[in-house]
Amino acid sequence: VNVNAGYQHHYYDFDNGAFDDGKYKGNDTQKFSGLNAQYSY
């Protein structure tokens, strides 16, 4: 049996679109946890 957890964070600048400068910021976060178990016979 295994218990796992993870955290991923991405903070970034981006523009308005094609050929178009901009002042935007993105802040993406992903969190996860899980359990895996295996019984062999």
PDB file of all heavy atoms in Angstrom:
ATOM      1  N   VAL A   1       0.854  -1.179   0.000  1.00  0.00           N
ATOM      2  CA  VAL A   1       0.000   0.000   0.000  1.00  0.00           C
ATOM      3  C   VAL A   1       0.891   1.230   0.000  1.00  0.00           C
ATOM      4  O   VAL A   1       1.936   1.257   0.648  1.00  0.00           O
ATOM      5  CB  VAL A   1      -0.955   0.004   1.226  1.00  0.00           C
ATOM      6  CG1 VAL A   1      -0.171  -0.019   2.530  1.00  0.00           C
ATOM      7  CG2 VAL A   1      -1.905   1.193   1.162  1.00  0.00           C
ATOM      8  N   ASN A   2       0.496   2.234  -0.772  1.00  0.00           N
ATOM      9  CA  ASN A   2       1.269   3.469  -0.889  1.00  0.00           C
ATOM     10  C   ASN A   2       0.340   4.666  -0.775  1.00  0.00           C
ATOM     11  O   ASN A   2      -0.750   4.687  -1.370  1.00  0.00           O
ATOM     12  CB  ASN A   2       1.994   3.538  -2.236  1.00  0.00           C
ATOM     13  CG  ASN A   2       3.008   2.424  -2.408  1.00  0.00           C
ATOM     14  OD1 ASN A   2       4.115   2.500  -1.909  1.00  0.00           O
ATOM     15  ND2 ASN A   2       2.617   1.366  -3.122  1.00  0.00           N
ATOM     16  N   VAL A   3       0.769   5.645  -0.013  1.00  0.00           N
ATOM     17  CA  VAL A   3       0.054   6.918   0.102  1.00  0.00           C
ATOM     18  C   VAL A   3       0.943   7.989  -0.510  1.00  0.00           C
ATOM     19  O   VAL A   3       2.140   8.066  -0.202  1.00  0.00           O
ATOM     20  CB  VAL A   3      -0.258   7.257   1.571  1.00  0.00           C
ATOM     21  CG1 VAL A   3      -0.953   8.611   1.659  1.00  0.00           C
ATOM     22  CG2 VAL A   3      -1.120   6.165   2.197  1.00  0.00           C
ATOM     23  N   ASN A   4       0.376   8.803  -1.386  1.00  0.00           N
ATOM     24  CA  ASN A   4       1.181   9.820  -2.063  1.00  0.00           C
ATOM     25  C   ASN A   4       0.493  11.170  -2.040  1.00  0.00           C
ATOM     26  O   ASN A   4      -0.727  11.266  -1.864  1.00  0.00           O
ATOM     27  CB  ASN A   4       1.475   9.402  -3.508  1.00  0.00           C
ATOM     28  CG  ASN A   4       0.195   9.248  -4.323  1.00  0.00           C
ATOM     29  OD1 ASN A   4      -0.396  10.221  -4.764  1.00  0.00           O
ATOM     30  ND2 ASN A   4      -0.236   7.997  -4.521  1.00  0.00           N
ATOM     31  N   ALA A   5       1.288  12.216  -2.216  1.00  0.00           N
ATOM     32  CA  ALA A   5       0.762  13.579  -2.260  1.00  0.00           C
ATOM     33  C   ALA A   5       1.690  14.420  -3.128  1.00  0.00           C
ATOM     34  O   ALA A   5       2.892  14.136  -3.247  1.00  0.00           O
ATOM     35  CB  ALA A   5       0.659  14.185  -0.863  1.00  0.00           C
ATOM     36  N   GLY A   6       1.133  15.462  -3.737  1.00  0.00           N
ATOM     37  CA  GLY A   6       1.940  16.322  -4.593  1.00  0.00           C
ATOM     38  C   GLY A   6       1.426  17.749  -4.623  1.00  0.00           C
ATOM     39  O   GLY A   6       0.243  18.012  -4.364  1.00  0.00           O
ATOM     40  N   TYR A   7       2.339  18.653  -4.917  1.00  0.00           N
ATOM     41  CA  TYR A   7       2.022  20.084  -5.031  1.00  0.00           C
ATOM     42  C   TYR A   7       2.779  20.629  -6.234  1.00  0.00           C
ATOM     43  O   TYR A   7       3.985  20.395  -6.381  1.00  0.00           O
ATOM     44  CB  TYR A   7       2.442  20.823  -3.763  1.00  0.00           C
ATOM     45  CG  TYR A   7       2.380  22.338  -3.874  1.00  0.00           C
ATOM     46  CD1 TYR A   7       1.185  23.022  -3.689  1.00  0.00           C
ATOM     47  CD2 TYR A   7       3.527  23.077  -4.169  1.00  0.00           C
ATOM     48  CE1 TYR A   7       1.126  24.412  -3.779  1.00  0.00           C
ATOM     49  CE2 TYR A   7       3.479  24.465  -4.263  1.00  0.00           C
ATOM     50  CZ  TYR A   7       2.282  25.119  -4.069  1.00  0.00           C
ATOM     51  OH  TYR A   7       2.227  26.488  -4.173  1.00  0.00           O
ATOM     52  N   GLN A   8       2.070  21.338  -7.122  1.00  0.00           N
ATOM     53  CA  GLN A   8       2.681  21.929  -8.303  1.00  0.00           C
ATOM     54  C   GLN A   8       2.194  23.363  -8.455  1.00  0.00           C
ATOM     55  O   GLN A   8       0.988  23.624  -8.391  1.00  0.00           O
ATOM     56  CB  GLN A   8       2.327  21.105  -9.556  1.00  0.00           C
ATOM     57  CG  GLN A   8       2.801  19.663  -9.476  1.00  0.00           C
ATOM     58  CD  GLN A   8       2.326  18.802 -10.628  1.00  0.00           C
ATOM     59  OE1 GLN A   8       1.262  19.019 -11.178  1.00  0.00           O
ATOM     60  NE2 GLN A   8       3.117  17.813 -11.003  1.00  0.00           N
ATOM     61  N   HIS A   9       3.147  24.279  -8.639  1.00  0.00           N
ATOM     62  CA  HIS A   9       2.807  25.700  -8.698  1.00  0.00           C
ATOM     63  C   HIS A   9       3.512  26.350  -9.881  1.00  0.00           C
ATOM     64  O   HIS A   9       4.680  26.082 -10.150  1.00  0.00           O
ATOM     65  CB  HIS A   9       3.218  26.412  -7.407  1.00  0.00           C
ATOM     66  CG  HIS A   9       3.008  27.894  -7.447  1.00  0.00           C
ATOM     67  ND1 HIS A   9       4.043  28.796  -7.316  1.00  0.00           N
ATOM     68  CD2 HIS A   9       1.882  28.641  -7.623  1.00  0.00           C
ATOM     69  CE1 HIS A   9       3.566  30.029  -7.396  1.00  0.00           C
ATOM     70  NE2 HIS A   9       2.258  29.964  -7.583  1.00  0.00           N
ATOM     71  N   HIS A  10       2.784  27.195 -10.604  1.00  0.00           N
ATOM     72  CA  HIS A  10       3.331  27.878 -11.781  1.00  0.00           C
ATOM     73  C   HIS A  10       2.837  29.329 -11.768  1.00  0.00           C
ATOM     74  O   HIS A  10       1.634  29.589 -11.840  1.00  0.00           O
ATOM     75  CB  HIS A  10       2.848  27.168 -13.057  1.00  0.00           C
ATOM     76  CG  HIS A  10       3.492  27.658 -14.309  1.00  0.00           C
ATOM     77  ND1 HIS A  10       2.901  27.527 -15.549  1.00  0.00           N
ATOM     78  CD2 HIS A  10       4.688  28.271 -14.524  1.00  0.00           C
ATOM     79  CE1 HIS A  10       3.699  28.040 -16.470  1.00  0.00           C
ATOM     80  NE2 HIS A  10       4.774  28.499 -15.873  1.00  0.00           N
ATOM     81  N   TYR A  11       3.771  30.269 -11.636  1.00  0.00           N
ATOM     82  CA  TYR A  11       3.446  31.698 -11.620  1.00  0.00           C
ATOM     83  C   TYR A  11       4.161  32.336 -12.805  1.00  0.00           C
ATOM     84  O   TYR A  11       5.392  32.231 -12.922  1.00  0.00           O
ATOM     85  CB  TYR A  11       3.914  32.323 -10.300  1.00  0.00           C
ATOM     86  CG  TYR A  11       3.493  33.757 -10.098  1.00  0.00           C
ATOM     87  CD1 TYR A  11       2.152  34.105 -10.049  1.00  0.00           C
ATOM     88  CD2 TYR A  11       4.447  34.766  -9.955  1.00  0.00           C
ATOM     89  CE1 TYR A  11       1.764  35.424  -9.854  1.00  0.00           C
ATOM     90  CE2 TYR A  11       4.066  36.087  -9.763  1.00  0.00           C
ATOM     91  CZ  TYR A  11       2.718  36.408  -9.721  1.00  0.00           C
ATOM     92  OH  TYR A  11       2.333  37.706  -9.547  1.00  0.00           O
ATOM     93  N   TYR A  12       3.445  33.016 -13.691  1.00  0.00           N
ATOM     94  CA  TYR A  12       4.042  33.407 -14.967  1.00  0.00           C
ATOM     95  C   TYR A  12       3.404  34.687 -15.533  1.00  0.00           C
ATOM     96  O   TYR A  12       2.283  35.066 -15.183  1.00  0.00           O
ATOM     97  CB  TYR A  12       3.884  32.272 -15.978  1.00  0.00           C
ATOM     98  CG  TYR A  12       2.451  31.821 -16.184  1.00  0.00           C
ATOM     99  CD1 TYR A  12       1.675  32.321 -17.221  1.00  0.00           C
ATOM    100  CD2 TYR A  12       1.857  30.893 -15.316  1.00  0.00           C
ATOM    101  CE1 TYR A  12       0.372  31.909 -17.411  1.00  0.00           C
ATOM    102  CE2 TYR A  12       0.555  30.478 -15.491  1.00  0.00           C
ATOM    103  CZ  TYR A  12      -0.185  30.983 -16.543  1.00  0.00           C
ATOM    104  OH  TYR A  12      -1.486  30.583 -16.723  1.00  0.00           O
ATOM    105  N   ASP A  13       4.163  35.316 -16.430  1.00  0.00           N
ATOM    106  CA  ASP A  13       3.682  36.476 -17.183  1.00  0.00           C
ATOM    107  C   ASP A  13       3.233  36.023 -18.563  1.00  0.00           C
ATOM    108  O   ASP A  13       3.796  35.081 -19.131  1.00  0.00           O
ATOM    109  CB  ASP A  13       4.794  37.520 -17.347  1.00  0.00           C
ATOM    110  CG  ASP A  13       5.362  37.994 -16.014  1.00  0.00           C
ATOM    111  OD1 ASP A  13       4.576  38.111 -15.053  1.00  0.00           O
ATOM    112  OD2 ASP A  13       6.582  38.236 -15.947  1.00  0.00           O
ATOM    113  N   PHE A  14       2.247  36.701 -19.131  1.00  0.00           N
ATOM    114  CA  PHE A  14       1.865  36.416 -20.515  1.00  0.00           C
ATOM    115  C   PHE A  14       1.269  37.661 -21.163  1.00  0.00           C
ATOM    116  O   PHE A  14       0.918  38.640 -20.483  1.00  0.00           O
ATOM    117  CB  PHE A  14       0.913  35.220 -20.601  1.00  0.00           C
ATOM    118  CG  PHE A  14      -0.447  35.428 -19.978  1.00  0.00           C
ATOM    119  CD1 PHE A  14      -1.546  35.748 -20.747  1.00  0.00           C
ATOM    120  CD2 PHE A  14      -0.636  35.262 -18.601  1.00  0.00           C
ATOM    121  CE1 PHE A  14      -2.801  35.923 -20.181  1.00  0.00           C
ATOM    122  CE2 PHE A  14      -1.884  35.426 -18.024  1.00  0.00           C
ATOM    123  CZ  PHE A  14      -2.963  35.761 -18.815  1.00  0.00           C
ATOM    124  N   ASP A  15       1.196  37.624 -22.489  1.00  0.00           N
ATOM    125  CA  ASP A  15       0.768  38.793 -23.268  1.00  0.00           C
ATOM    126  C   ASP A  15      -0.695  38.694 -23.672  1.00  0.00           C
ATOM    127  O   ASP A  15      -1.384  37.708 -23.377  1.00  0.00           O
ATOM    128  CB  ASP A  15       1.662  38.946 -24.503  1.00  0.00           C
ATOM    129  CG  ASP A  15       3.053  39.451 -24.145  1.00  0.00           C
ATOM    130  OD1 ASP A  15       3.170  40.198 -23.154  1.00  0.00           O
ATOM    131  OD2 ASP A  15       4.018  39.092 -24.850  1.00  0.00           O
ATOM    132  N   ASN A  16      -1.141  39.727 -24.399  1.00  0.00           N
ATOM    133  CA  ASN A  16      -2.549  39.865 -24.744  1.00  0.00           C
ATOM    134  C   ASN A  16      -2.968  38.946 -25.883  1.00  0.00           C
ATOM    135  O   ASN A  16      -4.149  38.653 -26.040  1.00  0.00           O
ATOM    136  CB  ASN A  16      -2.858  41.322 -25.120  1.00  0.00           C
ATOM    137  CG  ASN A  16      -4.329  41.635 -25.051  1.00  0.00           C
ATOM    138  OD1 ASN A  16      -5.019  41.224 -24.123  1.00  0.00           O
ATOM    139  ND2 ASN A  16      -4.825  42.332 -26.056  1.00  0.00           N
ATOM    140  N   GLY A  17      -2.019  38.512 -26.691  1.00  0.00           N
ATOM    141  CA  GLY A  17      -2.338  37.649 -27.821  1.00  0.00           C
ATOM    142  C   GLY A  17      -1.302  37.789 -28.911  1.00  0.00           C
ATOM    143  O   GLY A  17      -0.212  38.332 -28.702  1.00  0.00           O
ATOM    144  N   ALA A  18      -1.633  37.309 -30.096  1.00  0.00           N
ATOM    145  CA  ALA A  18      -0.702  37.348 -31.215  1.00  0.00           C
ATOM    146  C   ALA A  18      -0.326  38.786 -31.566  1.00  0.00           C
ATOM    147  O   ALA A  18      -1.210  39.646 -31.719  1.00  0.00           O
ATOM    148  CB  ALA A  18      -1.327  36.660 -32.428  1.00  0.00           C
ATOM    149  N   PHE A  19       0.963  39.048 -31.658  1.00  0.00           N
ATOM    150  CA  PHE A  19       1.516  40.368 -32.007  1.00  0.00           C
ATOM    151  C   PHE A  19       1.059  41.463 -31.044  1.00  0.00           C
ATOM    152  O   PHE A  19       1.094  42.644 -31.392  1.00  0.00           O
ATOM    153  CB  PHE A  19       1.103  40.774 -33.435  1.00  0.00           C
ATOM    154  CG  PHE A  19       1.488  39.797 -34.493  1.00  0.00           C
ATOM    155  CD1 PHE A  19       0.522  39.009 -35.123  1.00  0.00           C
ATOM    156  CD2 PHE A  19       2.805  39.660 -34.886  1.00  0.00           C
ATOM    157  CE1 PHE A  19       0.863  38.110 -36.111  1.00  0.00           C
ATOM    158  CE2 PHE A  19       3.163  38.750 -35.882  1.00  0.00           C
ATOM    159  CZ  PHE A  19       2.187  37.974 -36.496  1.00  0.00           C
ATOM    160  N   ASP A  20       0.621  41.108 -29.843  1.00  0.00           N
ATOM    161  CA  ASP A  20       0.009  42.085 -28.939  1.00  0.00           C
ATOM    162  C   ASP A  20       0.605  41.939 -27.537  1.00  0.00           C
ATOM    163  O   ASP A  20       0.313  40.973 -26.825  1.00  0.00           O
ATOM    164  CB  ASP A  20      -1.506  41.878 -28.895  1.00  0.00           C
ATOM    165  CG  ASP A  20      -2.246  43.040 -28.241  1.00  0.00           C
ATOM    166  OD1 ASP A  20      -1.587  44.002 -27.800  1.00  0.00           O
ATOM    167  OD2 ASP A  20      -3.491  42.984 -28.185  1.00  0.00           O
ATOM    168  N   ASP A  21       1.448  42.892 -27.139  1.00  0.00           N
ATOM    169  CA  ASP A  21       2.060  42.867 -25.818  1.00  0.00           C
ATOM    170  C   ASP A  21       0.996  43.071 -24.742  1.00  0.00           C
ATOM    171  O   ASP A  21      -0.072  43.636 -25.006  1.00  0.00           O
ATOM    172  CB  ASP A  21       3.120  43.971 -25.735  1.00  0.00           C
ATOM    173  CG  ASP A  21       4.116  43.735 -24.613  1.00  0.00           C
ATOM    174  OD1 ASP A  21       4.115  42.631 -24.056  1.00  0.00           O
ATOM    175  OD2 ASP A  21       4.890  44.655 -24.315  1.00  0.00           O
ATOM    176  N   GLY A  22       1.273  42.621 -23.532  1.00  0.00           N
ATOM    177  CA  GLY A  22       0.299  42.783 -22.460  1.00  0.00           C
ATOM    178  C   GLY A  22       0.946  42.674 -21.105  1.00  0.00           C
ATOM    179  O   GLY A  22       2.120  42.312 -20.973  1.00  0.00           O
ATOM    180  N   LYS A  23       0.180  42.991 -20.081  1.00  0.00           N
ATOM    181  CA  LYS A  23       0.652  42.943 -18.698  1.00  0.00           C
ATOM    182  C   LYS A  23      -0.256  42.014 -17.897  1.00  0.00           C
ATOM    183  O   LYS A  23      -1.058  42.459 -17.065  1.00  0.00           O
ATOM    184  CB  LYS A  23       0.648  44.348 -18.094  1.00  0.00           C
ATOM    185  CG  LYS A  23       1.588  45.330 -18.771  1.00  0.00           C
ATOM    186  CD  LYS A  23       3.044  45.036 -18.420  1.00  0.00           C
ATOM    187  CE  LYS A  23       3.978  46.117 -18.954  1.00  0.00           C
ATOM    188  NZ  LYS A  23       5.389  45.851 -18.609  1.00  0.00           N
ATOM    189  N   TYR A  24      -0.151  40.746 -18.164  1.00  0.00           N
ATOM    190  CA  TYR A  24      -0.977  39.759 -17.482  1.00  0.00           C
ATOM    191  C   TYR A  24      -0.091  38.812 -16.680  1.00  0.00           C
ATOM    192  O   TYR A  24       1.057  38.544 -17.041  1.00  0.00           O
ATOM    193  CB  TYR A  24      -1.808  38.947 -18.479  1.00  0.00           C
ATOM    194  CG  TYR A  24      -2.857  39.735 -19.204  1.00  0.00           C
ATOM    195  CD1 TYR A  24      -2.580  40.328 -20.433  1.00  0.00           C
ATOM    196  CD2 TYR A  24      -4.128  39.898 -18.661  1.00  0.00           C
ATOM    197  CE1 TYR A  24      -3.540  41.056 -21.111  1.00  0.00           C
ATOM    198  CE2 TYR A  24      -5.104  40.624 -19.326  1.00  0.00           C
ATOM    199  CZ  TYR A  24      -4.803  41.204 -20.553  1.00  0.00           C
ATOM    200  OH  TYR A  24      -5.759  41.922 -21.217  1.00  0.00           O
ATOM    201  N   LYS A  25      -0.654  38.278 -15.612  1.00  0.00           N
ATOM    202  CA  LYS A  25       0.021  37.266 -14.805  1.00  0.00           C
ATOM    203  C   LYS A  25      -0.937  36.118 -14.539  1.00  0.00           C
ATOM    204  O   LYS A  25      -2.129  36.328 -14.274  1.00  0.00           O
ATOM    205  CB  LYS A  25       0.502  37.857 -13.472  1.00  0.00           C
ATOM    206  CG  LYS A  25       1.687  38.810 -13.594  1.00  0.00           C
ATOM    207  CD  LYS A  25       2.182  39.246 -12.230  1.00  0.00           C
ATOM    208  CE  LYS A  25       3.384  40.173 -12.351  1.00  0.00           C
ATOM    209  NZ  LYS A  25       4.580  39.483 -12.887  1.00  0.00           N
ATOM    210  N   GLY A  26      -0.403  34.904 -14.625  1.00  0.00           N
ATOM    211  CA  GLY A  26      -1.171  33.712 -14.297  1.00  0.00           C
ATOM    212  C   GLY A  26      -0.585  33.058 -13.059  1.00  0.00           C
ATOM    213  O   GLY A  26       0.631  33.053 -12.855  1.00  0.00           O
ATOM    214  N   ASN A  27      -1.458  32.501 -12.237  1.00  0.00           N
ATOM    215  CA  ASN A  27      -1.029  31.831 -11.009  1.00  0.00           C
ATOM    216  C   ASN A  27      -1.787  30.513 -10.910  1.00  0.00           C
ATOM    217  O   ASN A  27      -2.947  30.477 -10.509  1.00  0.00           O
ATOM    218  CB  ASN A  27      -1.313  32.721  -9.801  1.00  0.00           C
ATOM    219  CG  ASN A  27      -0.663  32.204  -8.527  1.00  0.00           C
ATOM    220  OD1 ASN A  27       0.072  31.220  -8.555  1.00  0.00           O
ATOM    221  ND2 ASN A  27      -0.930  32.848  -7.412  1.00  0.00           N
ATOM    222  N   ASP A  28      -1.125  29.414 -11.321  1.00  0.00           N
ATOM    223  CA  ASP A  28      -1.771  28.102 -11.374  1.00  0.00           C
ATOM    224  C   ASP A  28      -1.224  27.206 -10.264  1.00  0.00           C
ATOM    225  O   ASP A  28      -0.006  27.121 -10.071  1.00  0.00           O
ATOM    226  CB  ASP A  28      -1.507  27.426 -12.715  1.00  0.00           C
ATOM    227  CG  ASP A  28      -2.085  28.215 -13.885  1.00  0.00           C
ATOM    228  OD1 ASP A  28      -2.831  29.173 -13.639  1.00  0.00           O
ATOM    229  OD2 ASP A  28      -1.781  27.857 -15.038  1.00  0.00           O
ATOM    230  N   THR A  29      -2.128  26.531  -9.574  1.00  0.00           N
ATOM    231  CA  THR A  29      -1.739  25.620  -8.497  1.00  0.00           C
ATOM    232  C   THR A  29      -2.485  24.298  -8.652  1.00  0.00           C
ATOM    233  O   THR A  29      -3.684  24.292  -8.943  1.00  0.00           O
ATOM    234  CB  THR A  29      -2.065  26.221  -7.120  1.00  0.00           C
ATOM    235  OG1 THR A  29      -1.411  27.482  -6.977  1.00  0.00           O
ATOM    236  CG2 THR A  29      -1.604  25.300  -6.008  1.00  0.00           C
ATOM    237  N   GLN A  30      -1.767  23.218  -8.468  1.00  0.00           N
ATOM    238  CA  GLN A  30      -2.380  21.895  -8.476  1.00  0.00           C
ATOM    239  C   GLN A  30      -1.911  21.117  -7.257  1.00  0.00           C
ATOM    240  O   GLN A  30      -0.715  21.031  -6.988  1.00  0.00           O
ATOM    241  CB  GLN A  30      -2.014  21.129  -9.747  1.00  0.00           C
ATOM    242  CG  GLN A  30      -2.629  19.738  -9.813  1.00  0.00           C
ATOM    243  CD  GLN A  30      -2.472  19.111 -11.183  1.00  0.00           C
ATOM    244  OE1 GLN A  30      -3.403  19.050 -11.970  1.00  0.00           O
ATOM    245  NE2 GLN A  30      -1.278  18.628 -11.481  1.00  0.00           N
ATOM    246  N   LYS A  31      -2.857  20.560  -6.506  1.00  0.00           N
ATOM    247  CA  LYS A  31      -2.559  19.734  -5.344  1.00  0.00           C
ATOM    248  C   LYS A  31      -3.260  18.392  -5.524  1.00  0.00           C
ATOM    249  O   LYS A  31      -4.380  18.338  -6.046  1.00  0.00           O
ATOM    250  CB  LYS A  31      -3.060  20.393  -4.056  1.00  0.00           C
ATOM    251  CG  LYS A  31      -2.504  21.794  -3.797  1.00  0.00           C
ATOM    252  CD  LYS A  31      -3.161  22.423  -2.572  1.00  0.00           C
ATOM    253  CE  LYS A  31      -2.695  23.852  -2.355  1.00  0.00           C
ATOM    254  NZ  LYS A  31      -3.384  24.486  -1.197  1.00  0.00           N
ATOM    255  N   PHE A  32      -2.614  17.335  -5.109  1.00  0.00           N
ATOM    256  CA  PHE A  32      -3.258  16.034  -5.212  1.00  0.00           C
ATOM    257  C   PHE A  32      -2.725  15.088  -4.143  1.00  0.00           C
ATOM    258  O   PHE A  32      -1.621  15.250  -3.616  1.00  0.00           O
ATOM    259  CB  PHE A  32      -3.050  15.421  -6.607  1.00  0.00           C
ATOM    260  CG  PHE A  32      -1.617  15.185  -6.969  1.00  0.00           C
ATOM    261  CD1 PHE A  32      -0.982  13.993  -6.680  1.00  0.00           C
ATOM    262  CD2 PHE A  32      -0.894  16.160  -7.642  1.00  0.00           C
ATOM    263  CE1 PHE A  32       0.336  13.773  -7.018  1.00  0.00           C
ATOM    264  CE2 PHE A  32       0.432  15.954  -8.008  1.00  0.00           C
ATOM    265  CZ  PHE A  32       1.046  14.749  -7.691  1.00  0.00           C
ATOM    266  N   SER A  33      -3.545  14.112  -3.828  1.00  0.00           N
ATOM    267  CA  SER A  33      -3.144  13.042  -2.907  1.00  0.00           C
ATOM    268  C   SER A  33      -3.884  11.774  -3.311  1.00  0.00           C
ATOM    269  O   SER A  33      -4.939  11.834  -3.957  1.00  0.00           O
ATOM    270  CB  SER A  33      -3.464  13.410  -1.453  1.00  0.00           C
ATOM    271  OG  SER A  33      -4.862  13.587  -1.281  1.00  0.00           O
ATOM    272  N   GLY A  34      -3.324  10.636  -2.936  1.00  0.00           N
ATOM    273  CA  GLY A  34      -3.966   9.403  -3.345  1.00  0.00           C
ATOM    274  C   GLY A  34      -3.473   8.209  -2.561  1.00  0.00           C
ATOM    275  O   GLY A  34      -2.517   8.291  -1.780  1.00  0.00           O
ATOM    276  N   LEU A  35      -4.140   7.106  -2.793  1.00  0.00           N
ATOM    277  CA  LEU A  35      -3.780   5.844  -2.150  1.00  0.00           C
ATOM    278  C   LEU A  35      -3.846   4.745  -3.194  1.00  0.00           C
ATOM    279  O   LEU A  35      -4.798   4.660  -3.974  1.00  0.00           O
ATOM    280  CB  LEU A  35      -4.716   5.540  -0.989  1.00  0.00           C
ATOM    281  CG  LEU A  35      -4.401   4.273  -0.177  1.00  0.00           C
ATOM    282  CD1 LEU A  35      -4.741   4.488   1.296  1.00  0.00           C
ATOM    283  CD2 LEU A  35      -5.202   3.063  -0.708  1.00  0.00           C
ATOM    284  N   ASN A  36      -2.813   3.901  -3.204  1.00  0.00           N
ATOM    285  CA  ASN A  36      -2.760   2.754  -4.093  1.00  0.00           C
ATOM    286  C   ASN A  36      -2.476   1.511  -3.250  1.00  0.00           C
ATOM    287  O   ASN A  36      -1.579   1.529  -2.402  1.00  0.00           O
ATOM    288  CB  ASN A  36      -1.671   2.948  -5.145  1.00  0.00           C
ATOM    289  CG  ASN A  36      -1.248   1.635  -5.788  1.00  0.00           C
ATOM    290  OD1 ASN A  36      -0.261   1.032  -5.367  1.00  0.00           O
ATOM    291  ND2 ASN A  36      -1.983   1.185  -6.781  1.00  0.00           N
ATOM    292  N   ALA A  37      -3.224   0.449  -3.484  1.00  0.00           N
ATOM    293  CA  ALA A  37      -3.011  -0.794  -2.736  1.00  0.00           C
ATOM    294  C   ALA A  37      -3.171  -1.975  -3.682  1.00  0.00           C
ATOM    295  O   ALA A  37      -3.984  -1.942  -4.612  1.00  0.00           O
ATOM    296  CB  ALA A  37      -3.996  -0.914  -1.582  1.00  0.00           C
ATOM    297  N   GLN A  38      -2.383  -3.008  -3.445  1.00  0.00           N
ATOM    298  CA  GLN A  38      -2.477  -4.208  -4.276  1.00  0.00           C
ATOM    299  C   GLN A  38      -2.262  -5.455  -3.423  1.00  0.00           C
ATOM    300  O   GLN A  38      -1.317  -5.516  -2.629  1.00  0.00           O
ATOM    301  CB  GLN A  38      -1.454  -4.159  -5.410  1.00  0.00           C
ATOM    302  CG  GLN A  38      -1.597  -5.305  -6.410  1.00  0.00           C
ATOM    303  CD  GLN A  38      -0.658  -5.161  -7.584  1.00  0.00           C
ATOM    304  OE1 GLN A  38       0.530  -5.466  -7.471  1.00  0.00           O
ATOM    305  NE2 GLN A  38      -1.184  -4.697  -8.719  1.00  0.00           N
ATOM    306  N   TYR A  39      -3.143  -6.415  -3.627  1.00  0.00           N
ATOM    307  CA  TYR A  39      -3.016  -7.725  -2.975  1.00  0.00           C
ATOM    308  C   TYR A  39      -2.787  -8.766  -4.052  1.00  0.00           C
ATOM    309  O   TYR A  39      -3.565  -8.895  -5.012  1.00  0.00           O
ATOM    310  CB  TYR A  39      -4.277  -8.059  -2.173  1.00  0.00           C
ATOM    311  CG  TYR A  39      -4.276  -9.478  -1.645  1.00  0.00           C
ATOM    312  CD1 TYR A  39      -3.464  -9.839  -0.577  1.00  0.00           C
ATOM    313  CD2 TYR A  39      -5.076 -10.456  -2.242  1.00  0.00           C
ATOM    314  CE1 TYR A  39      -3.443 -11.155  -0.110  1.00  0.00           C
ATOM    315  CE2 TYR A  39      -5.068 -11.766  -1.773  1.00  0.00           C
ATOM    316  CZ  TYR A  39      -4.242 -12.105  -0.710  1.00  0.00           C
ATOM    317  OH  TYR A  39      -4.219 -13.404  -0.250  1.00  0.00           O
ATOM    318  N   SER A  40      -1.722  -9.553  -3.894  1.00  0.00           N
ATOM    319  CA  SER A  40      -1.383 -10.579  -4.882  1.00  0.00           C
ATOM    320  C   SER A  40      -1.727 -11.965  -4.339  1.00  0.00           C
ATOM    321  O   SER A  40      -1.481 -12.262  -3.168  1.00  0.00           O
ATOM    322  CB  SER A  40       0.116 -10.523  -5.208  1.00  0.00           C
ATOM    323  OG  SER A  40       0.467  -9.260  -5.749  1.00  0.00           O
ATOM    324  N   TYR A  41      -2.323 -12.760  -5.198  1.00  0.00           N
ATOM    325  CA  TYR A  41      -2.598 -14.141  -4.851  1.00  0.00           C
ATOM    326  C   TYR A  41      -1.993 -15.038  -5.931  1.00  0.00           C
ATOM    327  O   TYR A  41      -1.287 -14.549  -6.828  1.00  0.00           O
ATOM    328  CB  TYR A  41      -4.095 -14.385  -4.683  1.00  0.00           C
ATOM    329  CG  TYR A  41      -4.953 -13.965  -5.843  1.00  0.00           C
ATOM    330  CD1 TYR A  41      -5.302 -14.872  -6.842  1.00  0.00           C
ATOM    331  CD2 TYR A  41      -5.447 -12.661  -5.944  1.00  0.00           C
ATOM    332  CE1 TYR A  41      -6.098 -14.498  -7.899  1.00  0.00           C
ATOM    333  CE2 TYR A  41      -6.244 -12.276  -7.002  1.00  0.00           C
ATOM    334  CZ  TYR A  41      -6.572 -13.194  -7.986  1.00  0.00           C
ATOM    335  OH  TYR A  41      -7.354 -12.822  -9.046  1.00  0.00           O
TER     336      TYR A  41
END
